[in-house]
Amino acid sequence: MAEKKKRRLGFSEPIRQDDPRLDGHRTTYQSSRGGWFPEEAKPVPGQRKSGGRRGRRG
């Protein structure tokens, strides 16, 4: 009998880092938060930060 290749998460071989099927599903381990979390968006140089209005209150 031929041995069946062990499959993980439905993939028959290791997944490459640049595989388009992983878009939007990348996570990193953060020990201070206690687990795996989605990657945070990196700021774009020259773009204003969101939130908070400029000017006087009143």
N, C-alpha and C. Protein backbone atom coordinates (compact mmCIF):
# COMPACT_ATOMS: atom_id res chain seq x y z
N MET A 1 0.83 -1.19 0.00
CA MET A 1 0.00 0.00 0.00
C MET A 1 0.87 1.25 0.00
N ALA A 2 0.46 2.21 -0.77
CA ALA A 2 1.18 3.48 -0.80
C ALA A 2 0.82 4.30 0.44
N GLU A 3 1.85 4.91 1.02
CA GLU A 3 1.58 5.74 2.19
C GLU A 3 0.95 7.05 1.76
N LYS A 4 -0.05 7.45 2.50
CA LYS A 4 -0.73 8.71 2.21
C LYS A 4 0.06 9.85 2.86
N LYS A 5 0.31 10.89 2.08
CA LYS A 5 1.05 12.04 2.59
C LYS A 5 0.18 12.78 3.61
N LYS A 6 0.77 13.12 4.76
CA LYS A 6 0.03 13.82 5.80
C LYS A 6 -0.29 15.24 5.34
N ARG A 7 -1.55 15.63 5.45
CA ARG A 7 -1.97 16.95 5.02
C ARG A 7 -2.29 17.82 6.24
N ARG A 8 -1.88 19.07 6.14
CA ARG A 8 -2.17 20.02 7.21
C ARG A 8 -3.00 21.15 6.64
N LEU A 9 -4.13 21.38 7.25
CA LEU A 9 -5.05 22.45 6.84
C LEU A 9 -5.44 22.36 5.37
N GLY A 10 -5.45 21.17 4.83
CA GLY A 10 -5.88 20.99 3.45
C GLY A 10 -4.80 21.18 2.41
N PHE A 11 -3.58 21.46 2.81
CA PHE A 11 -2.47 21.64 1.87
C PHE A 11 -1.60 20.39 1.88
N SER A 12 -1.24 19.89 0.70
CA SER A 12 -0.47 18.65 0.62
C SER A 12 1.02 18.87 0.79
N GLU A 13 1.49 20.10 0.70
CA GLU A 13 2.91 20.40 0.90
C GLU A 13 3.02 21.73 1.63
N PRO A 14 4.22 22.06 2.12
CA PRO A 14 4.37 23.32 2.86
C PRO A 14 3.92 24.53 2.04
N ILE A 15 3.37 25.52 2.72
CA ILE A 15 2.84 26.71 2.06
C ILE A 15 3.94 27.76 1.98
N ARG A 16 4.11 28.35 0.79
CA ARG A 16 5.11 29.41 0.63
C ARG A 16 4.60 30.69 1.26
N GLN A 17 5.51 31.53 1.75
CA GLN A 17 5.13 32.78 2.41
C GLN A 17 4.37 33.72 1.49
N ASP A 18 4.66 33.70 0.19
CA ASP A 18 4.03 34.64 -0.74
C ASP A 18 2.79 34.05 -1.41
N ASP A 19 2.26 32.97 -0.88
CA ASP A 19 1.07 32.33 -1.46
C ASP A 19 -0.13 33.28 -1.35
N PRO A 20 -0.81 33.60 -2.46
CA PRO A 20 -1.92 34.54 -2.41
C PRO A 20 -3.12 34.06 -1.58
N ARG A 21 -3.21 32.78 -1.33
CA ARG A 21 -4.32 32.26 -0.52
C ARG A 21 -4.22 32.69 0.93
N LEU A 22 -3.04 33.16 1.36
CA LEU A 22 -2.85 33.57 2.74
C LEU A 22 -3.15 35.05 2.97
N ASP A 23 -3.45 35.81 1.93
CA ASP A 23 -3.72 37.24 2.09
C ASP A 23 -4.86 37.46 3.07
N GLY A 24 -4.61 38.32 4.04
CA GLY A 24 -5.62 38.63 5.04
C GLY A 24 -5.68 37.65 6.20
N HIS A 25 -4.83 36.63 6.19
CA HIS A 25 -4.87 35.62 7.24
C HIS A 25 -3.52 35.47 7.95
N ARG A 26 -2.64 36.43 7.78
CA ARG A 26 -1.32 36.34 8.40
C ARG A 26 -1.40 36.75 9.87
N THR A 27 -0.71 36.01 10.72
CA THR A 27 -0.68 36.33 12.14
C THR A 27 0.75 36.26 12.66
N THR A 28 0.99 36.91 13.79
CA THR A 28 2.29 36.84 14.45
C THR A 28 2.05 36.50 15.92
N TYR A 29 3.02 35.83 16.52
CA TYR A 29 2.89 35.46 17.92
C TYR A 29 3.35 36.61 18.79
N GLN A 30 2.51 37.03 19.73
CA GLN A 30 2.83 38.11 20.64
C GLN A 30 2.70 37.58 22.06
N SER A 31 3.84 37.27 22.67
CA SER A 31 3.80 36.65 23.99
C SER A 31 3.22 37.59 25.04
N SER A 32 3.40 38.89 24.89
CA SER A 32 2.87 39.82 25.88
C SER A 32 1.34 39.84 25.87
N ARG A 33 0.74 39.51 24.72
CA ARG A 33 -0.72 39.47 24.62
C ARG A 33 -1.25 38.05 24.78
N GLY A 34 -0.36 37.08 24.76
CA GLY A 34 -0.75 35.71 25.03
C GLY A 34 -1.28 34.91 23.86
N GLY A 35 -0.71 35.09 22.66
CA GLY A 35 -1.15 34.25 21.56
C GLY A 35 -0.87 34.84 20.19
N TRP A 36 -1.58 34.27 19.21
CA TRP A 36 -1.41 34.67 17.81
C TRP A 36 -2.44 35.74 17.46
N PHE A 37 -1.98 36.85 16.85
CA PHE A 37 -2.84 37.95 16.49
C PHE A 37 -2.55 38.40 15.07
N PRO A 38 -3.55 38.98 14.38
CA PRO A 38 -3.31 39.49 13.03
C PRO A 38 -2.23 40.57 13.03
N GLU A 39 -1.49 40.66 11.94
CA GLU A 39 -0.46 41.69 11.83
C GLU A 39 -1.12 43.06 11.81
N GLU A 40 -0.50 44.01 12.49
CA GLU A 40 -1.04 45.36 12.52
C GLU A 40 -0.60 46.10 11.26
N ALA A 41 -1.47 46.97 10.76
CA ALA A 41 -1.15 47.74 9.56
C ALA A 41 0.03 48.67 9.85
N LYS A 42 0.97 48.71 8.92
CA LYS A 42 2.14 49.57 9.08
C LYS A 42 1.81 50.95 8.54
N PRO A 43 2.27 52.02 9.22
CA PRO A 43 1.97 53.36 8.74
C PRO A 43 2.65 53.65 7.40
N VAL A 44 1.97 54.46 6.59
CA VAL A 44 2.51 54.85 5.29
C VAL A 44 3.16 56.21 5.47
N PRO A 45 4.43 56.36 5.08
CA PRO A 45 5.11 57.65 5.24
C PRO A 45 4.37 58.76 4.49
N GLY A 46 4.19 59.90 5.15
CA GLY A 46 3.54 61.05 4.53
C GLY A 46 2.03 61.06 4.65
N GLN A 47 1.45 60.01 5.20
CA GLN A 47 -0.01 59.96 5.34
C GLN A 47 -0.39 60.39 6.75
N ARG A 48 -1.47 61.19 6.85
CA ARG A 48 -1.91 61.65 8.16
C ARG A 48 -2.47 60.51 8.99
N LYS A 49 -2.28 60.62 10.28
CA LYS A 49 -2.84 59.63 11.19
C LYS A 49 -4.34 59.85 11.29
N SER A 50 -5.09 58.77 11.41
CA SER A 50 -6.54 58.89 11.51
C SER A 50 -6.93 59.22 12.94
N GLY A 51 -8.13 59.76 13.10
CA GLY A 51 -8.64 60.08 14.42
C GLY A 51 -8.25 61.47 14.86
N GLY A 52 -9.02 62.01 15.78
CA GLY A 52 -8.72 63.32 16.34
C GLY A 52 -8.82 64.44 15.32
N ARG A 53 -9.53 65.50 15.67
CA ARG A 53 -9.62 66.63 14.77
C ARG A 53 -8.64 67.70 15.22
N ARG A 54 -8.17 68.46 14.28
CA ARG A 54 -7.28 69.55 14.60
C ARG A 54 -8.10 70.81 14.82
N GLY A 55 -7.64 71.66 15.69
CA GLY A 55 -8.33 72.92 15.93
C GLY A 55 -8.77 73.07 17.37
N ARG A 56 -9.48 74.16 17.60
CA ARG A 56 -9.91 74.44 18.96
C ARG A 56 -11.19 73.71 19.31
N ARG A 57 -11.33 73.43 20.57
CA ARG A 57 -12.58 72.83 21.05
C ARG A 57 -13.54 73.95 21.40
N GLY A 58 -14.78 73.68 21.23
CA GLY A 58 -15.70 74.71 21.68
C GLY A 58 -16.99 74.78 20.96
